[in-house]
Every structure is written in structure tokens, then in C-alpha cells.
Amino acid sequence: MQKTALLLLAFAAALTACDDKPKTAPAQQSSAREDNPLLKYQDETVNKAKKQIDAGVQQTQQQLDAVDKQ
């Protein structure tokens, strides 16, 4: 039982030691995203789709509000 507990503690300590991420990772990711044309195209496409979906939701909400007023 003690061996299992010590093994679990050692494993947890090893995981927390390996889990530290560098604080510069988000900056590297954003610059890599700007440099990669496929990721840039993906972001543009996602933003365009999001705008269209939001416009559709807004139009539907306006129609529902108009029906509620009647």
C-alpha cells in the first residue's frame, strides 16, 4: 500500500514538473499563425462564417420579435 502511494506521489510530482509551459508560447503561436497562409485562410473563413451566422441569428430574432408583437 505504501509503495503504491509513493509511486502515485512520484508520478504526480513528475507530471507537475513536466507540465510547466514557457510563458512565450502564446506569442510564438500567434506569429506562427500569421506566417502560415493556411491558418490565416482558416481564420478568415471562420470569421466570415461567424459573421454570416450572427447575421442570420439576428434576422431570426427580429422576425421572432415581430411575431411576438402581433
PDB file of N, CA and C in Angstrom:
ATOM      1  N   MET A   1       0.824  -1.195   0.000  1.00  0.00           N
ATOM      2  CA  MET A   1       0.000   0.000   0.000  1.00  0.00           C
ATOM      3  C   MET A   1       0.873   1.266   0.000  1.00  0.00           C
ATOM      4  N   GLN A   2       1.923   1.249   0.788  1.00  0.00           N
ATOM      5  CA  GLN A   2       2.803   2.415   0.854  1.00  0.00           C
ATOM      6  C   GLN A   2       3.570   2.591  -0.450  1.00  0.00           C
ATOM      7  N   LYS A   3       3.934   1.477  -1.066  1.00  0.00           N
ATOM      8  CA  LYS A   3       4.642   1.568  -2.339  1.00  0.00           C
ATOM      9  C   LYS A   3       3.755   2.207  -3.393  1.00  0.00           C
ATOM     10  N   THR A   4       2.479   1.840  -3.389  1.00  0.00           N
ATOM     11  CA  THR A   4       1.544   2.399  -4.361  1.00  0.00           C
ATOM     12  C   THR A   4       1.363   3.893  -4.130  1.00  0.00           C
ATOM     13  N   ALA A   5       1.228   4.296  -2.873  1.00  0.00           N
ATOM     14  CA  ALA A   5       1.054   5.706  -2.549  1.00  0.00           C
ATOM     15  C   ALA A   5       2.291   6.503  -2.948  1.00  0.00           C
ATOM     16  N   LEU A   6       3.476   5.964  -2.648  1.00  0.00           N
ATOM     17  CA  LEU A   6       4.712   6.656  -3.021  1.00  0.00           C
ATOM     18  C   LEU A   6       4.868   6.735  -4.533  1.00  0.00           C
ATOM     19  N   LEU A   7       4.486   5.667  -5.209  1.00  0.00           N
ATOM     20  CA  LEU A   7       4.560   5.663  -6.666  1.00  0.00           C
ATOM     21  C   LEU A   7       3.613   6.705  -7.263  1.00  0.00           C
ATOM     22  N   LEU A   8       2.402   6.793  -6.712  1.00  0.00           N
ATOM     23  CA  LEU A   8       1.448   7.796  -7.191  1.00  0.00           C
ATOM     24  C   LEU A   8       1.951   9.213  -6.930  1.00  0.00           C
ATOM     25  N   LEU A   9       2.530   9.441  -5.760  1.00  0.00           N
ATOM     26  CA  LEU A   9       3.076  10.767  -5.452  1.00  0.00           C
ATOM     27  C   LEU A   9       4.232  11.116  -6.379  1.00  0.00           C
ATOM     28  N   ALA A  10       5.091  10.148  -6.642  1.00  0.00           N
ATOM     29  CA  ALA A  10       6.214  10.396  -7.546  1.00  0.00           C
ATOM     30  C   ALA A  10       5.717  10.685  -8.957  1.00  0.00           C
ATOM     31  N   PHE A  11       4.715   9.950  -9.380  1.00  0.00           N
ATOM     32  CA  PHE A  11       4.146  10.165 -10.709  1.00  0.00           C
ATOM     33  C   PHE A  11       3.492  11.543 -10.807  1.00  0.00           C
ATOM     34  N   ALA A  12       2.757  11.934  -9.765  1.00  0.00           N
ATOM     35  CA  ALA A  12       2.120  13.251  -9.760  1.00  0.00           C
ATOM     36  C   ALA A  12       3.170  14.358  -9.767  1.00  0.00           C
ATOM     37  N   ALA A  13       4.245  14.171  -9.013  1.00  0.00           N
ATOM     38  CA  ALA A  13       5.311  15.177  -8.987  1.00  0.00           C
ATOM     39  C   ALA A  13       5.984  15.287 -10.347  1.00  0.00           C
ATOM     40  N   ALA A  14       6.188  14.153 -11.005  1.00  0.00           N
ATOM     41  CA  ALA A  14       6.804  14.179 -12.334  1.00  0.00           C
ATOM     42  C   ALA A  14       5.898  14.875 -13.338  1.00  0.00           C
ATOM     43  N   LEU A  15       4.602  14.631 -13.238  1.00  0.00           N
ATOM     44  CA  LEU A  15       3.666  15.286 -14.158  1.00  0.00           C
ATOM     45  C   LEU A  15       3.636  16.793 -13.958  1.00  0.00           C
ATOM     46  N   THR A  16       3.621  17.231 -12.718  1.00  0.00           N
ATOM     47  CA  THR A  16       3.593  18.675 -12.481  1.00  0.00           C
ATOM     48  C   THR A  16       4.904  19.324 -12.903  1.00  0.00           C
ATOM     49  N   ALA A  17       6.009  18.620 -12.769  1.00  0.00           N
ATOM     50  CA  ALA A  17       7.298  19.172 -13.198  1.00  0.00           C
ATOM     51  C   ALA A  17       7.355  19.301 -14.716  1.00  0.00           C
ATOM     52  N   CYS A  18       6.762  18.367 -15.417  1.00  0.00           N
ATOM     53  CA  CYS A  18       6.783  18.394 -16.883  1.00  0.00           C
ATOM     54  C   CYS A  18       5.696  19.285 -17.463  1.00  0.00           C
ATOM     55  N   ASP A  19       4.747  19.687 -16.636  1.00  0.00           N
ATOM     56  CA  ASP A  19       3.598  20.431 -17.129  1.00  0.00           C
ATOM     57  C   ASP A  19       3.875  21.920 -17.285  1.00  0.00           C
ATOM     58  N   ASP A  20       5.003  22.408 -16.789  1.00  0.00           N
ATOM     59  CA  ASP A  20       5.310  23.830 -16.912  1.00  0.00           C
ATOM     60  C   ASP A  20       5.493  24.189 -18.378  1.00  0.00           C
ATOM     61  N   LYS A  21       4.762  25.195 -18.814  1.00  0.00           N
ATOM     62  CA  LYS A  21       4.854  25.645 -20.199  1.00  0.00           C
ATOM     63  C   LYS A  21       5.570  26.990 -20.230  1.00  0.00           C
ATOM     64  N   PRO A  22       6.340  27.234 -21.250  1.00  0.00           N
ATOM     65  CA  PRO A  22       7.017  28.537 -21.334  1.00  0.00           C
ATOM     66  C   PRO A  22       6.003  29.663 -21.519  1.00  0.00           C
ATOM     67  N   LYS A  23       6.311  30.801 -20.936  1.00  0.00           N
ATOM     68  CA  LYS A  23       5.377  31.919 -20.996  1.00  0.00           C
ATOM     69  C   LYS A  23       5.368  32.596 -22.356  1.00  0.00           C
ATOM     70  N   THR A  24       6.300  32.255 -23.226  1.00  0.00           N
ATOM     71  CA  THR A  24       6.356  32.855 -24.553  1.00  0.00           C
ATOM     72  C   THR A  24       5.588  32.039 -25.586  1.00  0.00           C
ATOM     73  N   ALA A  25       4.949  30.966 -25.180  1.00  0.00           N
ATOM     74  CA  ALA A  25       4.244  30.097 -26.130  1.00  0.00           C
ATOM     75  C   ALA A  25       3.118  30.827 -26.865  1.00  0.00           C
ATOM     76  N   PRO A  26       2.270  31.629 -26.207  1.00  0.00           N
ATOM     77  CA  PRO A  26       1.209  32.294 -26.968  1.00  0.00           C
ATOM     78  C   PRO A  26       1.737  33.249 -28.033  1.00  0.00           C
ATOM     79  N   ALA A  27       2.824  33.937 -27.751  1.00  0.00           N
ATOM     80  CA  ALA A  27       3.387  34.851 -28.744  1.00  0.00           C
ATOM     81  C   ALA A  27       3.923  34.079 -29.936  1.00  0.00           C
ATOM     82  N   GLN A  28       4.551  32.952 -29.677  1.00  0.00           N
ATOM     83  CA  GLN A  28       5.060  32.137 -30.772  1.00  0.00           C
ATOM     84  C   GLN A  28       3.915  31.586 -31.599  1.00  0.00           C
ATOM     85  N   GLN A  29       2.842  31.207 -30.938  1.00  0.00           N
ATOM     86  CA  GLN A  29       1.710  30.646 -31.654  1.00  0.00           C
ATOM     87  C   GLN A  29       1.065  31.705 -32.547  1.00  0.00           C
ATOM     88  N   SER A  30       0.908  32.921 -32.049  1.00  0.00           N
ATOM     89  CA  SER A  30       0.273  33.949 -32.858  1.00  0.00           C
ATOM     90  C   SER A  30       1.144  34.325 -34.053  1.00  0.00           C
ATOM     91  N   SER A  31       2.462  34.382 -33.876  1.00  0.00           N
ATOM     92  CA  SER A  31       3.317  34.706 -35.014  1.00  0.00           C
ATOM     93  C   SER A  31       3.336  33.556 -36.012  1.00  0.00           C
ATOM     94  N   ALA A  32       3.287  32.329 -35.527  1.00  0.00           N
ATOM     95  CA  ALA A  32       3.232  31.178 -36.432  1.00  0.00           C
ATOM     96  C   ALA A  32       1.914  31.180 -37.196  1.00  0.00           C
ATOM     97  N   ARG A  33       0.839  31.599 -36.549  1.00  0.00           N
ATOM     98  CA  ARG A  33      -0.466  31.656 -37.196  1.00  0.00           C
ATOM     99  C   ARG A  33      -0.456  32.697 -38.311  1.00  0.00           C
ATOM    100  N   GLU A  34       0.215  33.816 -38.084  1.00  0.00           N
ATOM    101  CA  GLU A  34       0.279  34.858 -39.107  1.00  0.00           C
ATOM    102  C   GLU A  34       1.167  34.442 -40.272  1.00  0.00           C
ATOM    103  N   ASP A  35       2.188  33.657 -39.999  1.00  0.00           N
ATOM    104  CA  ASP A  35       3.121  33.237 -41.044  1.00  0.00           C
ATOM    105  C   ASP A  35       2.563  32.128 -41.922  1.00  0.00           C
ATOM    106  N   ASN A  36       1.659  31.343 -41.397  1.00  0.00           N
ATOM    107  CA  ASN A  36       1.134  30.198 -42.134  1.00  0.00           C
ATOM    108  C   ASN A  36      -0.081  30.634 -42.953  1.00  0.00           C
ATOM    109  N   PRO A  37      -0.014  30.579 -44.283  1.00  0.00           N
ATOM    110  CA  PRO A  37      -1.137  31.042 -45.101  1.00  0.00           C
ATOM    111  C   PRO A  37      -2.392  30.187 -44.934  1.00  0.00           C
ATOM    112  N   LEU A  38      -2.223  28.900 -44.653  1.00  0.00           N
ATOM    113  CA  LEU A  38      -3.407  28.053 -44.471  1.00  0.00           C
ATOM    114  C   LEU A  38      -4.154  28.406 -43.189  1.00  0.00           C
ATOM    115  N   LEU A  39      -3.407  28.673 -42.114  1.00  0.00           N
ATOM    116  CA  LEU A  39      -4.059  29.068 -40.871  1.00  0.00           C
ATOM    117  C   LEU A  39      -4.694  30.447 -41.000  1.00  0.00           C
ATOM    118  N   LYS A  40      -4.037  31.328 -41.733  1.00  0.00           N
ATOM    119  CA  LYS A  40      -4.599  32.660 -41.961  1.00  0.00           C
ATOM    120  C   LYS A  40      -5.898  32.549 -42.757  1.00  0.00           C
ATOM    121  N   TYR A  41      -5.903  31.703 -43.788  1.00  0.00           N
ATOM    122  CA  TYR A  41      -7.113  31.485 -44.588  1.00  0.00           C
ATOM    123  C   TYR A  41      -8.208  30.855 -43.730  1.00  0.00           C
ATOM    124  N   GLN A  42      -7.829  29.932 -42.855  1.00  0.00           N
ATOM    125  CA  GLN A  42      -8.805  29.304 -41.971  1.00  0.00           C
ATOM    126  C   GLN A  42      -9.437  30.347 -41.056  1.00  0.00           C
ATOM    127  N   ASP A  43      -8.625  31.225 -40.481  1.00  0.00           N
ATOM    128  CA  ASP A  43      -9.152  32.270 -39.608  1.00  0.00           C
ATOM    129  C   ASP A  43     -10.108  33.187 -40.363  1.00  0.00           C
ATOM    130  N   GLU A  44      -9.735  33.568 -41.588  1.00  0.00           N
ATOM    131  CA  GLU A  44     -10.603  34.431 -42.387  1.00  0.00           C
ATOM    132  C   GLU A  44     -11.929  33.738 -42.686  1.00  0.00           C
ATOM    133  N   THR A  45     -11.869  32.463 -43.046  1.00  0.00           N
ATOM    134  CA  THR A  45     -13.079  31.715 -43.370  1.00  0.00           C
ATOM    135  C   THR A  45     -13.967  31.562 -42.142  1.00  0.00           C
ATOM    136  N   VAL A  46     -13.361  31.257 -41.008  1.00  0.00           N
ATOM    137  CA  VAL A  46     -14.133  31.094 -39.775  1.00  0.00           C
ATOM    138  C   VAL A  46     -14.783  32.414 -39.383  1.00  0.00           C
ATOM    139  N   ASN A  47     -14.040  33.512 -39.492  1.00  0.00           N
ATOM    140  CA  ASN A  47     -14.604  34.816 -39.144  1.00  0.00           C
ATOM    141  C   ASN A  47     -15.741  35.192 -40.082  1.00  0.00           C
ATOM    142  N   LYS A  48     -15.583  34.900 -41.372  1.00  0.00           N
ATOM    143  CA  LYS A  48     -16.640  35.194 -42.334  1.00  0.00           C
ATOM    144  C   LYS A  48     -17.890  34.373 -42.018  1.00  0.00           C
ATOM    145  N   ALA A  49     -17.710  33.100 -41.734  1.00  0.00           N
ATOM    146  CA  ALA A  49     -18.845  32.236 -41.405  1.00  0.00           C
ATOM    147  C   ALA A  49     -19.518  32.694 -40.119  1.00  0.00           C
ATOM    148  N   LYS A  50     -18.722  33.096 -39.142  1.00  0.00           N
ATOM    149  CA  LYS A  50     -19.287  33.563 -37.875  1.00  0.00           C
ATOM    150  C   LYS A  50     -20.128  34.814 -38.085  1.00  0.00           C
ATOM    151  N   LYS A  51     -19.645  35.728 -38.918  1.00  0.00           N
ATOM    152  CA  LYS A  51     -20.409  36.942 -39.203  1.00  0.00           C
ATOM    153  C   LYS A  51     -21.734  36.608 -39.878  1.00  0.00           C
ATOM    154  N   GLN A  52     -21.705  35.673 -40.832  1.00  0.00           N
ATOM    155  CA  GLN A  52     -22.935  35.295 -41.523  1.00  0.00           C
ATOM    156  C   GLN A  52     -23.905  34.596 -40.578  1.00  0.00           C
ATOM    157  N   ILE A  53     -23.401  33.749 -39.718  1.00  0.00           N
ATOM    158  CA  ILE A  53     -24.267  33.065 -38.754  1.00  0.00           C
ATOM    159  C   ILE A  53     -24.871  34.070 -37.787  1.00  0.00           C
ATOM    160  N   ASP A  54     -24.064  35.003 -37.305  1.00  0.00           N
ATOM    161  CA  ASP A  54     -24.574  36.025 -36.391  1.00  0.00           C
ATOM    162  C   ASP A  54     -25.644  36.882 -37.063  1.00  0.00           C
ATOM    163  N   ALA A  55     -25.435  37.212 -38.342  1.00  0.00           N
ATOM    164  CA  ALA A  55     -26.435  37.994 -39.070  1.00  0.00           C
ATOM    165  C   ALA A  55     -27.726  37.195 -39.214  1.00  0.00           C
ATOM    166  N   GLY A  56     -27.623  35.905 -39.489  1.00  0.00           N
ATOM    167  CA  GLY A  56     -28.809  35.059 -39.598  1.00  0.00           C
ATOM    168  C   GLY A  56     -29.540  34.934 -38.277  1.00  0.00           C
ATOM    169  N   VAL A  57     -28.801  34.800 -37.200  1.00  0.00           N
ATOM    170  CA  VAL A  57     -29.417  34.713 -35.874  1.00  0.00           C
ATOM    171  C   VAL A  57     -30.118  36.018 -35.536  1.00  0.00           C
ATOM    172  N   GLN A  58     -29.488  37.131 -35.866  1.00  0.00           N
ATOM    173  CA  GLN A  58     -30.094  38.434 -35.586  1.00  0.00           C
ATOM    174  C   GLN A  58     -31.372  38.619 -36.400  1.00  0.00           C
ATOM    175  N   GLN A  59     -31.347  38.218 -37.659  1.00  0.00           N
ATOM    176  CA  GLN A  59     -32.533  38.333 -38.503  1.00  0.00           C
ATOM    177  C   GLN A  59     -33.658  37.449 -37.967  1.00  0.00           C
ATOM    178  N   THR A  60     -33.324  36.238 -37.563  1.00  0.00           N
ATOM    179  CA  THR A  60     -34.333  35.340 -36.999  1.00  0.00           C
ATOM    180  C   THR A  60     -34.905  35.914 -35.716  1.00  0.00           C
ATOM    181  N   GLN A  61     -34.054  36.495 -34.882  1.00  0.00           N
ATOM    182  CA  GLN A  61     -34.525  37.089 -33.634  1.00  0.00           C
ATOM    183  C   GLN A  61     -35.456  38.265 -33.910  1.00  0.00           C
ATOM    184  N   GLN A  62     -35.134  39.069 -34.925  1.00  0.00           N
ATOM    185  CA  GLN A  62     -36.008  40.187 -35.286  1.00  0.00           C
ATOM    186  C   GLN A  62     -37.359  39.682 -35.769  1.00  0.00           C
ATOM    187  N   GLN A  63     -37.354  38.609 -36.552  1.00  0.00           N
ATOM    188  CA  GLN A  63     -38.611  38.043 -37.028  1.00  0.00           C
ATOM    189  C   GLN A  63     -39.431  37.491 -35.867  1.00  0.00           C
ATOM    190  N   LEU A  64     -38.777  36.842 -34.922  1.00  0.00           N
ATOM    191  CA  LEU A  64     -39.497  36.325 -33.758  1.00  0.00           C
ATOM    192  C   LEU A  64     -40.053  37.460 -32.908  1.00  0.00           C
ATOM    193  N   ASP A  65     -39.295  38.532 -32.765  1.00  0.00           N
ATOM    194  CA  ASP A  65     -39.782  39.687 -32.012  1.00  0.00           C
ATOM    195  C   ASP A  65     -40.980  40.318 -32.704  1.00  0.00           C
ATOM    196  N   ALA A  66     -40.949  40.372 -34.041  1.00  0.00           N
ATOM    197  CA  ALA A  66     -42.068  40.936 -34.791  1.00  0.00           C
ATOM    198  C   ALA A  66     -43.315  40.077 -34.624  1.00  0.00           C
ATOM    199  N   VAL A  67     -43.159  38.776 -34.602  1.00  0.00           N
ATOM    200  CA  VAL A  67     -44.304  37.878 -34.414  1.00  0.00           C
ATOM    201  C   VAL A  67     -44.853  38.022 -33.003  1.00  0.00           C
ATOM    202  N   ASP A  68     -43.987  38.193 -32.023  1.00  0.00           N
ATOM    203  CA  ASP A  68     -44.439  38.353 -30.640  1.00  0.00           C
ATOM    204  C   ASP A  68     -45.241  39.635 -30.457  1.00  0.00           C
ATOM    205  N   LYS A  69     -44.928  40.676 -31.216  1.00  0.00           N
ATOM    206  CA  LYS A  69     -45.633  41.951 -31.096  1.00  0.00           C
ATOM    207  C   LYS A  69     -47.043  41.873 -31.656  1.00  0.00           C
ATOM    208  N   GLN A  70     -47.277  40.944 -32.557  1.00  0.00           N
ATOM    209  CA  GLN A  70     -48.604  40.856 -33.185  1.00  0.00           C
ATOM    210  C   GLN A  70     -49.638  40.288 -32.271  1.00  0.00           C
TER     211      GLN A  70
END
